[in-house]
Amino acid sequence: MAITRTNMIDDDGTGKTGTIINNAWKQELYNQIDAADALLGGQWNDIAFNAANFSGTSPMTWTVGAAAVLRNRCSLVGKTLMWSMYVSWFSGSNALAGTPSASINLTVPLGLTVQNNQAQILDYTAGIAGIPPVGGIYASGLSQTLTLNKASGGNYALTDIPGFIFTIIIEVF
C-alpha cells in the first residue's frame, strides 16, 4: 500500500517562520519505501519469464518455453521466500536434450541466494518416467539455484517432459 504524500510544512502561514525544506528528498524516500513494500511486503509478485532460469545439469540441457510456465510467482517477507511455480508437461515447449543426468535446475527468483542447504519435496510432478506424482522430486538449494532430483535417484530420461506444481518456503539472503 502506497504511503500518502503530504508536503512538509513547519511555517505558521506567514511565510516568515519555519524552515525552508525541499520536499524532493521526502518524496524520494517515500518512493523507495513503496518499492520495497511492493517487493518485500508479503505481496505475491509475478516473475517475468526468462529461459535462462531453467537448465539441465551438464551434459544434459533443459529448454523451457514461456507457454509451459503457467505460474511463477513469489513473495518475500524478510529473509523468507515463498515461491509458487507451475511448469506444464502438457503444453508449451519443455524438453530435455544431450546426455541424461540426475538433475535439472531453477534459478532462485529476485537474485536471492538460498541460506544453508535446504531440501523440500515438490507438491506434484508429472511427465517424468518412474516416479510417483507426489513425493517424486525433491528440490535442494544452496546458492542461487534450486536443483530438482528424483527422490528415488537416477537420471532423467531424455523422453521426460518435467512438469511440476509447487509452493515452497525457503530461507534466503
Protein backbone atom coordinates (compact mmCIF):
# COMPACT_ATOMS: atom_id res chain seq x y z
CA MET A 1 0.00 0.00 0.00
CA ALA A 2 1.45 3.36 -1.01
CA ILE A 3 2.31 5.98 1.57
CA THR A 4 0.15 9.10 1.41
CA ARG A 5 2.20 12.03 0.14
CA THR A 6 1.97 15.30 2.06
CA ASN A 7 4.10 18.39 1.90
CA MET A 8 6.27 19.13 4.89
CA ILE A 9 5.03 22.35 6.45
CA ASP A 10 6.59 23.94 9.50
CA ASP A 11 5.52 27.52 8.84
CA ASP A 12 2.79 29.43 10.68
CA GLY A 13 1.32 30.57 7.38
CA THR A 14 3.09 33.91 7.20
CA GLY A 15 5.96 32.57 5.10
CA LYS A 16 8.34 34.17 7.60
CA THR A 17 8.76 31.40 10.17
CA GLY A 18 9.87 27.78 9.98
CA THR A 19 12.49 26.09 7.88
CA ILE A 20 12.87 26.05 4.11
CA ILE A 21 12.79 22.39 3.21
CA ASN A 22 12.97 20.82 -0.18
CA ASN A 23 10.27 18.14 -0.23
CA ALA A 24 12.04 16.23 -3.01
CA TRP A 25 14.06 14.15 -0.51
CA LYS A 26 10.85 13.12 1.26
CA GLN A 27 9.19 12.05 -1.99
CA GLU A 28 12.27 10.04 -2.98
CA LEU A 29 12.25 8.30 0.40
CA TYR A 30 8.52 7.51 0.10
CA ASN A 31 9.05 6.10 -3.40
CA GLN A 32 11.80 3.80 -2.10
CA ILE A 33 9.62 2.61 0.77
CA ASP A 34 6.73 1.92 -1.61
CA ALA A 35 9.02 -0.08 -3.92
CA ALA A 36 10.38 -2.12 -1.01
CA ASP A 37 6.86 -2.71 0.29
CA ALA A 38 5.71 -3.99 -3.09
CA LEU A 39 8.61 -6.44 -3.25
CA LEU A 40 9.17 -7.30 0.40
CA GLY A 41 5.80 -6.67 1.95
CA GLY A 42 4.37 -10.14 1.55
CA GLN A 43 2.58 -9.40 -1.70
CA TRP A 44 2.68 -12.02 -4.45
CA ASN A 45 4.61 -10.83 -7.50
CA ASP A 46 4.80 -12.42 -10.94
CA ILE A 47 8.28 -13.39 -12.10
CA ALA A 48 8.94 -12.44 -15.71
CA PHE A 49 9.73 -15.41 -17.93
CA ASN A 50 13.41 -15.91 -18.69
CA ALA A 51 14.51 -19.10 -20.48
CA ALA A 52 17.89 -18.84 -18.73
CA ASN A 53 16.15 -19.62 -15.41
CA PHE A 54 15.79 -23.27 -16.50
CA SER A 55 18.80 -25.53 -17.09
CA GLY A 56 19.87 -29.13 -17.09
CA THR A 57 22.89 -30.33 -15.20
CA SER A 58 25.66 -30.81 -17.74
CA PRO A 59 25.85 -32.64 -20.09
CA MET A 60 22.04 -32.52 -20.23
CA THR A 61 20.13 -29.39 -21.26
CA TRP A 62 16.60 -28.38 -20.31
CA THR A 63 14.77 -25.95 -22.56
CA VAL A 64 11.50 -24.43 -21.37
CA GLY A 65 9.34 -22.05 -23.39
CA ALA A 66 7.18 -19.30 -21.90
CA ALA A 67 3.93 -21.14 -22.73
CA ALA A 68 4.96 -24.04 -20.48
CA VAL A 69 5.25 -21.81 -17.40
CA LEU A 70 1.67 -21.48 -16.21
CA ARG A 71 2.58 -19.82 -12.91
CA ASN A 72 5.77 -18.36 -11.49
CA ARG A 73 5.18 -16.06 -8.54
CA CYS A 74 6.91 -15.25 -5.30
CA SER A 75 6.53 -13.30 -2.11
CA LEU A 76 9.38 -12.20 0.11
CA VAL A 77 8.93 -11.39 3.78
CA GLY A 78 12.21 -10.56 5.47
CA LYS A 79 14.50 -13.48 4.64
CA THR A 80 11.69 -15.91 3.87
CA LEU A 81 10.88 -16.57 0.21
CA MET A 82 7.58 -18.16 -0.71
CA TRP A 83 7.76 -19.38 -4.30
CA SER A 84 4.90 -20.84 -6.31
CA MET A 85 5.53 -22.41 -9.71
CA TYR A 86 3.61 -24.50 -12.23
CA VAL A 87 5.58 -25.84 -15.19
CA SER A 88 3.42 -27.72 -17.67
CA TRP A 89 4.18 -31.19 -19.01
CA PHE A 90 1.27 -30.95 -21.47
CA SER A 91 1.51 -27.51 -23.11
CA GLY A 92 4.24 -25.25 -24.44
CA SER A 93 7.79 -26.39 -25.12
CA ASN A 94 9.57 -28.28 -22.38
CA ALA A 95 12.36 -30.64 -23.47
CA LEU A 96 15.48 -32.38 -22.23
CA ALA A 97 18.40 -32.99 -24.60
CA GLY A 98 22.06 -34.04 -24.58
CA THR A 99 23.16 -36.83 -22.26
CA PRO A 100 20.90 -37.81 -19.31
CA SER A 101 21.88 -36.52 -15.88
CA ALA A 102 20.43 -36.68 -12.39
CA SER A 103 19.12 -33.14 -12.01
CA ILE A 104 17.54 -30.08 -13.56
CA ASN A 105 17.87 -26.56 -12.17
CA LEU A 106 15.77 -23.48 -11.48
CA THR A 107 17.21 -20.03 -10.79
CA VAL A 108 16.00 -18.64 -7.45
CA PRO A 109 13.88 -15.50 -8.06
CA LEU A 110 14.87 -11.90 -7.35
CA GLY A 111 18.61 -12.65 -7.45
CA LEU A 112 18.35 -14.17 -3.97
CA THR A 113 20.62 -16.85 -2.55
CA VAL A 114 19.37 -19.85 -0.60
CA GLN A 115 20.58 -19.76 3.01
CA ASN A 116 22.14 -23.04 4.18
CA ASN A 117 21.35 -26.25 2.33
CA GLN A 118 17.61 -26.83 2.22
CA ALA A 119 15.54 -29.60 0.65
CA GLN A 120 11.81 -29.94 0.06
CA ILE A 121 9.56 -32.41 -1.73
CA LEU A 122 7.65 -30.85 -4.63
CA ASP A 123 3.86 -30.89 -4.27
CA TYR A 124 3.07 -32.59 -7.59
CA THR A 125 5.12 -33.91 -10.51
CA ALA A 126 4.21 -35.37 -13.90
CA GLY A 127 5.79 -36.25 -17.23
CA ILE A 128 8.75 -38.00 -15.61
CA ALA A 129 9.05 -41.76 -16.02
CA GLY A 130 9.34 -44.00 -12.98
CA ILE A 131 8.37 -41.58 -10.22
CA PRO A 132 5.13 -41.09 -8.30
CA PRO A 133 3.22 -37.81 -8.78
CA VAL A 134 3.53 -36.95 -5.08
CA GLY A 135 6.96 -37.12 -3.48
CA GLY A 136 8.65 -37.98 -6.77
CA ILE A 137 11.01 -34.99 -6.92
CA TYR A 138 12.79 -33.08 -4.22
CA ALA A 139 14.29 -29.63 -4.55
CA SER A 140 17.51 -28.68 -2.81
CA GLY A 141 19.26 -25.39 -2.83
CA LEU A 142 22.45 -23.75 -1.74
CA SER A 143 23.30 -20.65 -3.76
CA GLN A 144 21.12 -19.06 -6.42
CA THR A 145 19.97 -22.40 -7.85
CA LEU A 146 17.27 -24.82 -6.81
CA THR A 147 18.20 -28.32 -8.02
CA LEU A 148 15.44 -30.84 -8.76
CA ASN A 149 16.34 -34.52 -8.29
CA LYS A 150 14.31 -37.71 -8.46
CA ALA A 151 13.60 -38.86 -4.92
CA SER A 152 14.32 -42.45 -6.00
CA GLY A 153 17.66 -41.44 -7.53
CA GLY A 154 18.79 -41.99 -11.08
CA ASN A 155 18.88 -39.85 -14.20
CA TYR A 156 16.12 -38.08 -16.03
CA ALA A 157 15.29 -39.72 -19.37
CA LEU A 158 15.56 -37.53 -22.45
CA THR A 159 11.96 -38.53 -23.20
CA ASP A 160 10.78 -37.00 -19.87
CA ILE A 161 8.84 -33.76 -20.01
CA PRO A 162 9.49 -32.39 -16.50
CA GLY A 163 6.32 -30.89 -15.13
CA PHE A 164 5.58 -29.87 -11.58
CA ILE A 165 3.45 -27.76 -9.32
CA PHE A 166 4.87 -26.44 -6.07
CA THR A 167 4.71 -23.78 -3.43
CA ILE A 168 7.82 -23.85 -1.28
CA ILE A 169 9.14 -21.74 1.55
CA ILE A 170 12.89 -21.25 1.74
CA GLU A 171 15.28 -19.15 3.81
CA VAL A 172 17.24 -16.70 1.65
CA PHE A 173 19.65 -13.80 1.88
